[in-house]
Amino acid sequence: MTDILQGKPGQKVYNISSNIRDRFKGTGDLIYRNVFRRTSTFVLAIALGAFFFERAFDKTGNEIFERWNKGKLWKDIRHNYEGKTPAVEEEEAPEESE
């Protein structure tokens, strides 16, 4: 499992990095063979990663902004100016013209 290296006389030094490297070697090889080996799959992985990162970053940023400014945003104070209750938004029926 872990390699025991000799440091000073009587001291044992464990080489943990080689243990971790051995444990994840198969995963790294699998990712390399299926993603990084060909340019087309590498570019696709970058594009998909960028897309999903952007979506998650944008959604997280919006949530933080809305929590920070709760009660100050238009959706929170609209009922004060339009005469509607905040929980119920009724659809107005189109007026019929004669």
PDB file of N, CA and C in Angstrom:
ATOM      1  N   MET A   1       0.816  -1.187   0.000  1.00  0.00           N
ATOM      2  CA  MET A   1       0.000   0.000   0.000  1.00  0.00           C
ATOM      3  C   MET A   1       0.864   1.257   0.000  1.00  0.00           C
ATOM      4  N   THR A   2       1.269   1.697   1.172  1.00  0.00           N
ATOM      5  CA  THR A   2       2.127   2.872   1.219  1.00  0.00           C
ATOM      6  C   THR A   2       3.580   2.428   1.259  1.00  0.00           C
ATOM      7  N   ASP A   3       4.392   3.206   0.621  1.00  0.00           N
ATOM      8  CA  ASP A   3       5.824   2.920   0.642  1.00  0.00           C
ATOM      9  C   ASP A   3       6.411   3.526   1.908  1.00  0.00           C
ATOM     10  N   ILE A   4       7.268   2.770   2.574  1.00  0.00           N
ATOM     11  CA  ILE A   4       7.941   3.299   3.750  1.00  0.00           C
ATOM     12  C   ILE A   4       9.360   3.644   3.342  1.00  0.00           C
ATOM     13  N   LEU A   5       9.671   4.914   3.433  1.00  0.00           N
ATOM     14  CA  LEU A   5      11.004   5.389   3.086  1.00  0.00           C
ATOM     15  C   LEU A   5      11.777   5.653   4.371  1.00  0.00           C
ATOM     16  N   GLN A   6      13.055   5.595   4.293  1.00  0.00           N
ATOM     17  CA  GLN A   6      13.880   5.872   5.457  1.00  0.00           C
ATOM     18  C   GLN A   6      14.325   7.325   5.430  1.00  0.00           C
ATOM     19  N   GLY A   7      14.051   8.018   6.492  1.00  0.00           N
ATOM     20  CA  GLY A   7      14.514   9.389   6.647  1.00  0.00           C
ATOM     21  C   GLY A   7      15.760   9.361   7.504  1.00  0.00           C
ATOM     22  N   LYS A   8      15.718  10.022   8.642  1.00  0.00           N
ATOM     23  CA  LYS A   8      16.811   9.965   9.606  1.00  0.00           C
ATOM     24  C   LYS A   8      16.828   8.570  10.215  1.00  0.00           C
ATOM     25  N   PRO A   9      17.921   8.160  10.789  1.00  0.00           N
ATOM     26  CA  PRO A   9      17.986   6.809  11.373  1.00  0.00           C
ATOM     27  C   PRO A   9      16.865   6.603  12.401  1.00  0.00           C
ATOM     28  N   GLY A  10      16.108   5.533  12.190  1.00  0.00           N
ATOM     29  CA  GLY A  10      15.027   5.196  13.109  1.00  0.00           C
ATOM     30  C   GLY A  10      13.713   5.890  12.793  1.00  0.00           C
ATOM     31  N   GLN A  11      13.672   6.763  11.797  1.00  0.00           N
ATOM     32  CA  GLN A  11      12.455   7.497  11.457  1.00  0.00           C
ATOM     33  C   GLN A  11      11.845   6.911  10.191  1.00  0.00           C
ATOM     34  N   LYS A  12      10.542   6.675  10.218  1.00  0.00           N
ATOM     35  CA  LYS A  12       9.848   6.171   9.041  1.00  0.00           C
ATOM     36  C   LYS A  12       9.107   7.327   8.363  1.00  0.00           C
ATOM     37  N   VAL A  13       9.260   7.444   7.061  1.00  0.00           N
ATOM     38  CA  VAL A  13       8.596   8.477   6.278  1.00  0.00           C
ATOM     39  C   VAL A  13       7.710   7.763   5.276  1.00  0.00           C
ATOM     40  N   TYR A  14       6.426   8.090   5.283  1.00  0.00           N
ATOM     41  CA  TYR A  14       5.474   7.440   4.379  1.00  0.00           C
ATOM     42  C   TYR A  14       5.318   8.256   3.102  1.00  0.00           C
ATOM     43  N   ASN A  15       5.396   7.585   1.978  1.00  0.00           N
ATOM     44  CA  ASN A  15       5.220   8.233   0.683  1.00  0.00           C
ATOM     45  C   ASN A  15       3.762   8.065   0.269  1.00  0.00           C
ATOM     46  N   ILE A  16       2.924   8.984   0.711  1.00  0.00           N
ATOM     47  CA  ILE A  16       1.487   8.884   0.472  1.00  0.00           C
ATOM     48  C   ILE A  16       1.151   9.208  -0.979  1.00  0.00           C
ATOM     49  N   SER A  17       1.907  10.084  -1.617  1.00  0.00           N
ATOM     50  CA  SER A  17       1.570  10.487  -2.979  1.00  0.00           C
ATOM     51  C   SER A  17       1.597   9.305  -3.948  1.00  0.00           C
ATOM     52  N   SER A  18       2.492   8.363  -3.751  1.00  0.00           N
ATOM     53  CA  SER A  18       2.515   7.214  -4.653  1.00  0.00           C
ATOM     54  C   SER A  18       1.294   6.324  -4.425  1.00  0.00           C
ATOM     55  N   ASN A  19       0.800   6.249  -3.190  1.00  0.00           N
ATOM     56  CA  ASN A  19      -0.401   5.481  -2.894  1.00  0.00           C
ATOM     57  C   ASN A  19      -1.609   6.107  -3.587  1.00  0.00           C
ATOM     58  N   ILE A  20      -1.752   7.384  -3.504  1.00  0.00           N
ATOM     59  CA  ILE A  20      -2.864   8.080  -4.158  1.00  0.00           C
ATOM     60  C   ILE A  20      -2.737   7.945  -5.673  1.00  0.00           C
ATOM     61  N   ARG A  21      -1.535   8.087  -6.176  1.00  0.00           N
ATOM     62  CA  ARG A  21      -1.300   7.951  -7.609  1.00  0.00           C
ATOM     63  C   ARG A  21      -1.686   6.564  -8.090  1.00  0.00           C
ATOM     64  N   ASP A  22      -1.326   5.543  -7.341  1.00  0.00           N
ATOM     65  CA  ASP A  22      -1.675   4.172  -7.721  1.00  0.00           C
ATOM     66  C   ASP A  22      -3.180   3.938  -7.657  1.00  0.00           C
ATOM     67  N   ARG A  23      -3.831   4.535  -6.685  1.00  0.00           N
ATOM     68  CA  ARG A  23      -5.257   4.333  -6.515  1.00  0.00           C
ATOM     69  C   ARG A  23      -6.059   4.930  -7.672  1.00  0.00           C
ATOM     70  N   PHE A  24      -5.646   6.088  -8.174  1.00  0.00           N
ATOM     71  CA  PHE A  24      -6.386   6.767  -9.229  1.00  0.00           C
ATOM     72  C   PHE A  24      -5.770   6.591 -10.612  1.00  0.00           C
ATOM     73  N   LYS A  25      -4.830   5.698 -10.749  1.00  0.00           N
ATOM     74  CA  LYS A  25      -4.162   5.501 -12.027  1.00  0.00           C
ATOM     75  C   LYS A  25      -5.134   5.032 -13.096  1.00  0.00           C
ATOM     76  N   GLY A  26      -6.005   4.100 -12.780  1.00  0.00           N
ATOM     77  CA  GLY A  26      -6.974   3.594 -13.744  1.00  0.00           C
ATOM     78  C   GLY A  26      -7.943   4.671 -14.203  1.00  0.00           C
ATOM     79  N   THR A  27      -8.352   5.532 -13.290  1.00  0.00           N
ATOM     80  CA  THR A  27      -9.266   6.624 -13.632  1.00  0.00           C
ATOM     81  C   THR A  27      -8.588   7.616 -14.563  1.00  0.00           C
ATOM     82  N   GLY A  28      -7.357   7.949 -14.266  1.00  0.00           N
ATOM     83  CA  GLY A  28      -6.625   8.874 -15.125  1.00  0.00           C
ATOM     84  C   GLY A  28      -6.414   8.326 -16.522  1.00  0.00           C
ATOM     85  N   ASP A  29      -6.068   7.042 -16.593  1.00  0.00           N
ATOM     86  CA  ASP A  29      -5.898   6.411 -17.902  1.00  0.00           C
ATOM     87  C   ASP A  29      -7.202   6.400 -18.681  1.00  0.00           C
ATOM     88  N   LEU A  30      -8.300   6.125 -17.996  1.00  0.00           N
ATOM     89  CA  LEU A  30      -9.605   6.091 -18.638  1.00  0.00           C
ATOM     90  C   LEU A  30      -9.980   7.470 -19.197  1.00  0.00           C
ATOM     91  N   ILE A  31      -9.769   8.499 -18.401  1.00  0.00           N
ATOM     92  CA  ILE A  31     -10.073   9.868 -18.858  1.00  0.00           C
ATOM     93  C   ILE A  31      -9.160  10.248 -20.017  1.00  0.00           C
ATOM     94  N   TYR A  32      -7.884   9.910 -19.917  1.00  0.00           N
ATOM     95  CA  TYR A  32      -6.956  10.241 -21.000  1.00  0.00           C
ATOM     96  C   TYR A  32      -7.368   9.561 -22.300  1.00  0.00           C
ATOM     97  N   ARG A  33      -7.656   8.251 -22.233  1.00  0.00           N
ATOM     98  CA  ARG A  33      -8.005   7.512 -23.448  1.00  0.00           C
ATOM     99  C   ARG A  33      -9.292   8.019 -24.087  1.00  0.00           C
ATOM    100  N   ASN A  34     -10.278   8.408 -23.276  1.00  0.00           N
ATOM    101  CA  ASN A  34     -11.587   8.769 -23.818  1.00  0.00           C
ATOM    102  C   ASN A  34     -11.786  10.258 -24.064  1.00  0.00           C
ATOM    103  N   VAL A  35     -11.005  11.111 -23.436  1.00  0.00           N
ATOM    104  CA  VAL A  35     -11.234  12.558 -23.572  1.00  0.00           C
ATOM    105  C   VAL A  35     -10.034  13.289 -24.167  1.00  0.00           C
ATOM    106  N   PHE A  36      -8.862  13.149 -23.574  1.00  0.00           N
ATOM    107  CA  PHE A  36      -7.728  13.987 -23.929  1.00  0.00           C
ATOM    108  C   PHE A  36      -6.916  13.493 -25.118  1.00  0.00           C
ATOM    109  N   ARG A  37      -7.106  12.275 -25.517  1.00  0.00           N
ATOM    110  CA  ARG A  37      -6.259  11.714 -26.569  1.00  0.00           C
ATOM    111  C   ARG A  37      -6.550  12.334 -27.928  1.00  0.00           C
ATOM    112  N   ARG A  38      -7.814  12.532 -28.234  1.00  0.00           N
ATOM    113  CA  ARG A  38      -8.182  13.119 -29.529  1.00  0.00           C
ATOM    114  C   ARG A  38      -8.556  14.577 -29.341  1.00  0.00           C
ATOM    115  N   THR A  39      -8.193  15.393 -30.289  1.00  0.00           N
ATOM    116  CA  THR A  39      -8.471  16.827 -30.213  1.00  0.00           C
ATOM    117  C   THR A  39      -9.965  17.102 -30.205  1.00  0.00           C
ATOM    118  N   SER A  40     -10.730  16.359 -31.001  1.00  0.00           N
ATOM    119  CA  SER A  40     -12.162  16.615 -31.090  1.00  0.00           C
ATOM    120  C   SER A  40     -12.859  16.387 -29.754  1.00  0.00           C
ATOM    121  N   THR A  41     -12.534  15.316 -29.057  1.00  0.00           N
ATOM    122  CA  THR A  41     -13.187  15.063 -27.772  1.00  0.00           C
ATOM    123  C   THR A  41     -12.681  16.018 -26.693  1.00  0.00           C
ATOM    124  N   PHE A  42     -11.432  16.436 -26.813  1.00  0.00           N
ATOM    125  CA  PHE A  42     -10.878  17.404 -25.871  1.00  0.00           C
ATOM    126  C   PHE A  42     -11.594  18.744 -26.009  1.00  0.00           C
ATOM    127  N   VAL A  43     -11.791  19.194 -27.250  1.00  0.00           N
ATOM    128  CA  VAL A  43     -12.484  20.461 -27.494  1.00  0.00           C
ATOM    129  C   VAL A  43     -13.942  20.360 -27.039  1.00  0.00           C
ATOM    130  N   LEU A  44     -14.581  19.230 -27.289  1.00  0.00           N
ATOM    131  CA  LEU A  44     -15.954  19.023 -26.842  1.00  0.00           C
ATOM    132  C   LEU A  44     -16.043  19.062 -25.318  1.00  0.00           C
ATOM    133  N   ALA A  45     -15.096  18.442 -24.642  1.00  0.00           N
ATOM    134  CA  ALA A  45     -15.079  18.456 -23.177  1.00  0.00           C
ATOM    135  C   ALA A  45     -14.902  19.876 -22.649  1.00  0.00           C
ATOM    136  N   ILE A  46     -14.052  20.664 -23.294  1.00  0.00           N
ATOM    137  CA  ILE A  46     -13.854  22.052 -22.879  1.00  0.00           C
ATOM    138  C   ILE A  46     -15.130  22.856 -23.083  1.00  0.00           C
ATOM    139  N   ALA A  47     -15.781  22.682 -24.240  1.00  0.00           N
ATOM    140  CA  ALA A  47     -17.006  23.417 -24.532  1.00  0.00           C
ATOM    141  C   ALA A  47     -18.121  23.048 -23.560  1.00  0.00           C
ATOM    142  N   LEU A  48     -18.303  21.765 -23.308  1.00  0.00           N
ATOM    143  CA  LEU A  48     -19.344  21.341 -22.369  1.00  0.00           C
ATOM    144  C   LEU A  48     -19.025  21.796 -20.951  1.00  0.00           C
ATOM    145  N   GLY A  49     -17.776  21.707 -20.573  1.00  0.00           N
ATOM    146  CA  GLY A  49     -17.376  22.180 -19.247  1.00  0.00           C
ATOM    147  C   GLY A  49     -17.619  23.666 -19.079  1.00  0.00           C
ATOM    148  N   ALA A  50     -17.286  24.442 -20.103  1.00  0.00           N
ATOM    149  CA  ALA A  50     -17.508  25.888 -20.046  1.00  0.00           C
ATOM    150  C   ALA A  50     -18.995  26.211 -19.975  1.00  0.00           C
ATOM    151  N   PHE A  51     -19.800  25.479 -20.755  1.00  0.00           N
ATOM    152  CA  PHE A  51     -21.242  25.724 -20.759  1.00  0.00           C
ATOM    153  C   PHE A  51     -21.847  25.458 -19.378  1.00  0.00           C
ATOM    154  N   PHE A  52     -21.555  24.287 -18.822  1.00  0.00           N
ATOM    155  CA  PHE A  52     -22.145  23.945 -17.532  1.00  0.00           C
ATOM    156  C   PHE A  52     -21.587  24.797 -16.401  1.00  0.00           C
ATOM    157  N   PHE A  53     -20.299  25.174 -16.473  1.00  0.00           N
ATOM    158  CA  PHE A  53     -19.733  26.071 -15.471  1.00  0.00           C
ATOM    159  C   PHE A  53     -20.416  27.425 -15.521  1.00  0.00           C
ATOM    160  N   GLU A  54     -20.638  27.942 -16.742  1.00  0.00           N
ATOM    161  CA  GLU A  54     -21.292  29.243 -16.894  1.00  0.00           C
ATOM    162  C   GLU A  54     -22.699  29.216 -16.327  1.00  0.00           C
ATOM    163  N   ARG A  55     -23.445  28.152 -16.607  1.00  0.00           N
ATOM    164  CA  ARG A  55     -24.820  28.031 -16.107  1.00  0.00           C
ATOM    165  C   ARG A  55     -24.830  27.991 -14.579  1.00  0.00           C
ATOM    166  N   ALA A  56     -23.962  27.190 -13.992  1.00  0.00           N
ATOM    167  CA  ALA A  56     -23.918  27.073 -12.532  1.00  0.00           C
ATOM    168  C   ALA A  56     -23.464  28.379 -11.887  1.00  0.00           C
ATOM    169  N   PHE A  57     -22.462  29.035 -12.476  1.00  0.00           N
ATOM    170  CA  PHE A  57     -21.949  30.293 -11.935  1.00  0.00           C
ATOM    171  C   PHE A  57     -23.021  31.377 -12.005  1.00  0.00           C
ATOM    172  N   ASP A  58     -23.744  31.449 -13.129  1.00  0.00           N
ATOM    173  CA  ASP A  58     -24.791  32.446 -13.309  1.00  0.00           C
ATOM    174  C   ASP A  58     -25.934  32.217 -12.328  1.00  0.00           C
ATOM    175  N   LYS A  59     -26.358  30.989 -12.180  1.00  0.00           N
ATOM    176  CA  LYS A  59     -27.462  30.670 -11.274  1.00  0.00           C
ATOM    177  C   LYS A  59     -27.070  30.965  -9.826  1.00  0.00           C
ATOM    178  N   THR A  60     -25.858  30.612  -9.447  1.00  0.00           N
ATOM    179  CA  THR A  60     -25.382  30.885  -8.094  1.00  0.00           C
ATOM    180  C   THR A  60     -25.283  32.384  -7.844  1.00  0.00           C
ATOM    181  N   GLY A  61     -24.764  33.115  -8.816  1.00  0.00           N
ATOM    182  CA  GLY A  61     -24.665  34.574  -8.675  1.00  0.00           C
ATOM    183  C   GLY A  61     -26.023  35.232  -8.538  1.00  0.00           C
ATOM    184  N   ASN A  62     -26.999  34.778  -9.315  1.00  0.00           N
ATOM    185  CA  ASN A  62     -28.351  35.329  -9.207  1.00  0.00           C
ATOM    186  C   ASN A  62     -28.971  35.035  -7.849  1.00  0.00           C
ATOM    187  N   GLU A  63     -28.777  33.826  -7.349  1.00  0.00           N
ATOM    188  CA  GLU A  63     -29.325  33.473  -6.035  1.00  0.00           C
ATOM    189  C   GLU A  63     -28.716  34.340  -4.938  1.00  0.00           C
ATOM    190  N   ILE A  64     -27.410  34.531  -4.983  1.00  0.00           N
ATOM    191  CA  ILE A  64     -26.745  35.373  -3.985  1.00  0.00           C
ATOM    192  C   ILE A  64     -27.263  36.799  -4.080  1.00  0.00           C
ATOM    193  N   PHE A  65     -27.402  37.339  -5.296  1.00  0.00           N
ATOM    194  CA  PHE A  65     -27.884  38.703  -5.488  1.00  0.00           C
ATOM    195  C   PHE A  65     -29.309  38.860  -4.966  1.00  0.00           C
ATOM    196  N   GLU A  66     -30.171  37.890  -5.268  1.00  0.00           N
ATOM    197  CA  GLU A  66     -31.565  37.990  -4.833  1.00  0.00           C
ATOM    198  C   GLU A  66     -31.701  37.856  -3.318  1.00  0.00           C
ATOM    199  N   ARG A  67     -30.899  37.013  -2.686  1.00  0.00           N
ATOM    200  CA  ARG A  67     -30.940  36.913  -1.226  1.00  0.00           C
ATOM    201  C   ARG A  67     -30.413  38.183  -0.570  1.00  0.00           C
ATOM    202  N   TRP A  68     -29.370  38.745  -1.134  1.00  0.00           N
ATOM    203  CA  TRP A  68     -28.757  39.949  -0.573  1.00  0.00           C
ATOM    204  C   TRP A  68     -29.713  41.139  -0.677  1.00  0.00           C
ATOM    205  N   ASN A  69     -30.471  41.215  -1.762  1.00  0.00           N
ATOM    206  CA  ASN A  69     -31.343  42.354  -2.015  1.00  0.00           C
ATOM    207  C   ASN A  69     -32.825  42.030  -1.815  1.00  0.00           C
ATOM    208  N   LYS A  70     -33.146  41.027  -1.042  1.00  0.00           N
ATOM    209  CA  LYS A  70     -34.534  40.650  -0.803  1.00  0.00           C
ATOM    210  C   LYS A  70     -35.283  41.817  -0.171  1.00  0.00           C
ATOM    211  N   GLY A  71     -36.446  42.122  -0.735  1.00  0.00           N
ATOM    212  CA  GLY A  71     -37.253  43.239  -0.261  1.00  0.00           C
ATOM    213  C   GLY A  71     -36.985  44.528  -1.012  1.00  0.00           C
ATOM    214  N   LYS A  72     -35.956  44.574  -1.819  1.00  0.00           N
ATOM    215  CA  LYS A  72     -35.622  45.774  -2.583  1.00  0.00           C
ATOM    216  C   LYS A  72     -35.857  45.595  -4.076  1.00  0.00           C
ATOM    217  N   LEU A  73     -36.043  44.374  -4.502  1.00  0.00           N
ATOM    218  CA  LEU A  73     -36.217  44.106  -5.925  1.00  0.00           C
ATOM    219  C   LEU A  73     -37.648  44.385  -6.354  1.00  0.00           C
ATOM    220  N   TRP A  74     -37.835  44.666  -7.633  1.00  0.00           N
ATOM    221  CA  TRP A  74     -39.142  44.996  -8.164  1.00  0.00           C
ATOM    222  C   TRP A  74     -40.153  43.886  -7.912  1.00  0.00           C
ATOM    223  N   LYS A  75     -39.742  42.656  -8.032  1.00  0.00           N
ATOM    224  CA  LYS A  75     -40.682  41.548  -7.813  1.00  0.00           C
ATOM    225  C   LYS A  75     -41.158  41.497  -6.367  1.00  0.00           C
ATOM    226  N   ASP A  76     -40.390  42.067  -5.438  1.00  0.00           N
ATOM    227  CA  ASP A  76     -40.778  42.078  -4.031  1.00  0.00           C
ATOM    228  C   ASP A  76     -41.663  43.270  -3.676  1.00  0.00           C
ATOM    229  N   ILE A  77     -41.527  44.385  -4.406  1.00  0.00           N
ATOM    230  CA  ILE A  77     -42.292  45.586  -4.052  1.00  0.00           C
ATOM    231  C   ILE A  77     -43.339  45.953  -5.090  1.00  0.00           C
ATOM    232  N   ARG A  78     -43.515  45.132  -6.097  1.00  0.00           N
ATOM    233  CA  ARG A  78     -44.472  45.425  -7.171  1.00  0.00           C
ATOM    234  C   ARG A  78     -45.883  45.663  -6.620  1.00  0.00           C
ATOM    235  N   HIS A  79     -46.298  44.868  -5.648  1.00  0.00           N
ATOM    236  CA  HIS A  79     -47.654  44.974  -5.122  1.00  0.00           C
ATOM    237  C   HIS A  79     -47.927  46.336  -4.474  1.00  0.00           C
ATOM    238  N   ASN A  80     -46.891  47.030  -4.029  1.00  0.00           N
ATOM    239  CA  ASN A  80     -47.085  48.360  -3.438  1.00  0.00           C
ATOM    240  C   ASN A  80     -47.504  49.387  -4.478  1.00  0.00           C
ATOM    241  N   TYR A  81     -47.131  49.193  -5.715  1.00  0.00           N
ATOM    242  CA  TYR A  81     -47.370  50.175  -6.759  1.00  0.00           C
ATOM    243  C   TYR A  81     -48.457  49.766  -7.741  1.00  0.00           C
ATOM    244  N   GLU A  82     -48.725  48.475  -7.871  1.00  0.00           N
ATOM    245  CA  GLU A  82     -49.721  48.019  -8.816  1.00  0.00           C
ATOM    246  C   GLU A  82     -51.015  47.584  -8.155  1.00  0.00           C
ATOM    247  N   GLY A  83     -51.068  47.589  -6.836  1.00  0.00           N
ATOM    248  CA  GLY A  83     -52.284  47.258  -6.127  1.00  0.00           C
ATOM    249  C   GLY A  83     -52.607  45.775  -6.121  1.00  0.00           C
ATOM    250  N   LYS A  84     -51.648  44.914  -6.382  1.00  0.00           N
ATOM    251  CA  LYS A  84     -51.864  43.474  -6.359  1.00  0.00           C
ATOM    252  C   LYS A  84     -51.221  42.887  -5.118  1.00  0.00           C
ATOM    253  N   THR A  85     -51.740  41.762  -4.694  1.00  0.00           N
ATOM    254  CA  THR A  85     -51.108  41.081  -3.578  1.00  0.00           C
ATOM    255  C   THR A  85     -49.872  40.353  -4.094  1.00  0.00           C
ATOM    256  N   PRO A  86     -48.836  40.220  -3.287  1.00  0.00           N
ATOM    257  CA  PRO A  86     -47.598  39.609  -3.786  1.00  0.00           C
ATOM    258  C   PRO A  86     -47.730  38.125  -4.112  1.00  0.00           C
ATOM    259  N   ALA A  87     -48.592  37.393  -3.426  1.00  0.00           N
ATOM    260  CA  ALA A  87     -48.680  35.959  -3.645  1.00  0.00           C
ATOM    261  C   ALA A  87     -49.577  35.614  -4.828  1.00  0.00           C
ATOM    262  N   VAL A  88     -50.538  36.475  -5.135  1.00  0.00           N
ATOM    263  CA  VAL A  88     -51.495  36.159  -6.182  1.00  0.00           C
ATOM    264  C   VAL A  88     -51.328  37.146  -7.325  1.00  0.00           C
ATOM    265  N   GLU A  89     -51.029  36.623  -8.484  1.00  0.00           N
ATOM    266  CA  GLU A  89     -50.960  37.459  -9.675  1.00  0.00           C
ATOM    267  C   GLU A  89     -52.042  36.983 -10.620  1.00  0.00           C
ATOM    268  N   GLU A  90     -53.053  37.830 -10.786  1.00  0.00           N
ATOM    269  CA  GLU A  90     -54.166  37.455 -11.643  1.00  0.00           C
ATOM    270  C   GLU A  90     -53.903  37.879 -13.068  1.00  0.00           C
ATOM    271  N   GLU A  91     -54.352  37.044 -13.974  1.00  0.00           N
ATOM    272  CA  GLU A  91     -54.249  37.409 -15.382  1.00  0.00           C
ATOM    273  C   GLU A  91     -55.451  38.249 -15.730  1.00  0.00           C
ATOM    274  N   GLU A  92     -55.216  39.339 -16.412  1.00  0.00           N
ATOM    275  CA  GLU A  92     -56.309  40.194 -16.811  1.00  0.00           C
ATOM    276  C   GLU A  92     -56.912  39.661 -18.108  1.00  0.00           C
ATOM    277  N   ALA A  93     -58.221  39.615 -18.128  1.00  0.00           N
ATOM    278  CA  ALA A  93     -58.921  39.140 -19.315  1.00  0.00           C
ATOM    279  C   ALA A  93     -58.869  40.236 -20.366  1.00  0.00           C
ATOM    280  N   PRO A  94     -58.686  39.873 -21.631  1.00  0.00           N
ATOM    281  CA  PRO A  94     -58.667  40.895 -22.679  1.00  0.00           C
ATOM    282  C   PRO A  94     -60.052  41.534 -22.817  1.00  0.00           C
ATOM    283  N   GLU A  95     -60.052  42.840 -22.992  1.00  0.00           N
ATOM    284  CA  GLU A  95     -61.318  43.555 -23.133  1.00  0.00           C
ATOM    285  C   GLU A  95     -61.883  43.323 -24.510  1.00  0.00           C
ATOM    286  N   GLU A  96     -63.202  43.142 -24.542  1.00  0.00           N
ATOM    287  CA  GLU A  96     -63.864  42.936 -25.817  1.00  0.00           C
ATOM    288  C   GLU A  96     -64.296  44.291 -26.368  1.00  0.00           C
ATOM    289  N   SER A  97     -63.958  44.541 -27.603  1.00  0.00           N
ATOM    290  CA  SER A  97     -64.369  45.814 -28.213  1.00  0.00           C
ATOM    291  C   SER A  97     -65.579  45.557 -29.102  1.00  0.00           C
ATOM    292  N   GLU A  98     -66.512  46.523 -29.084  1.00  0.00           N
ATOM    293  CA  GLU A  98     -67.727  46.361 -29.890  1.00  0.00           C
ATOM    294  C   GLU A  98     -67.685  47.195 -31.132  1.00  0.00           C
TER     295      GLU A  98
END
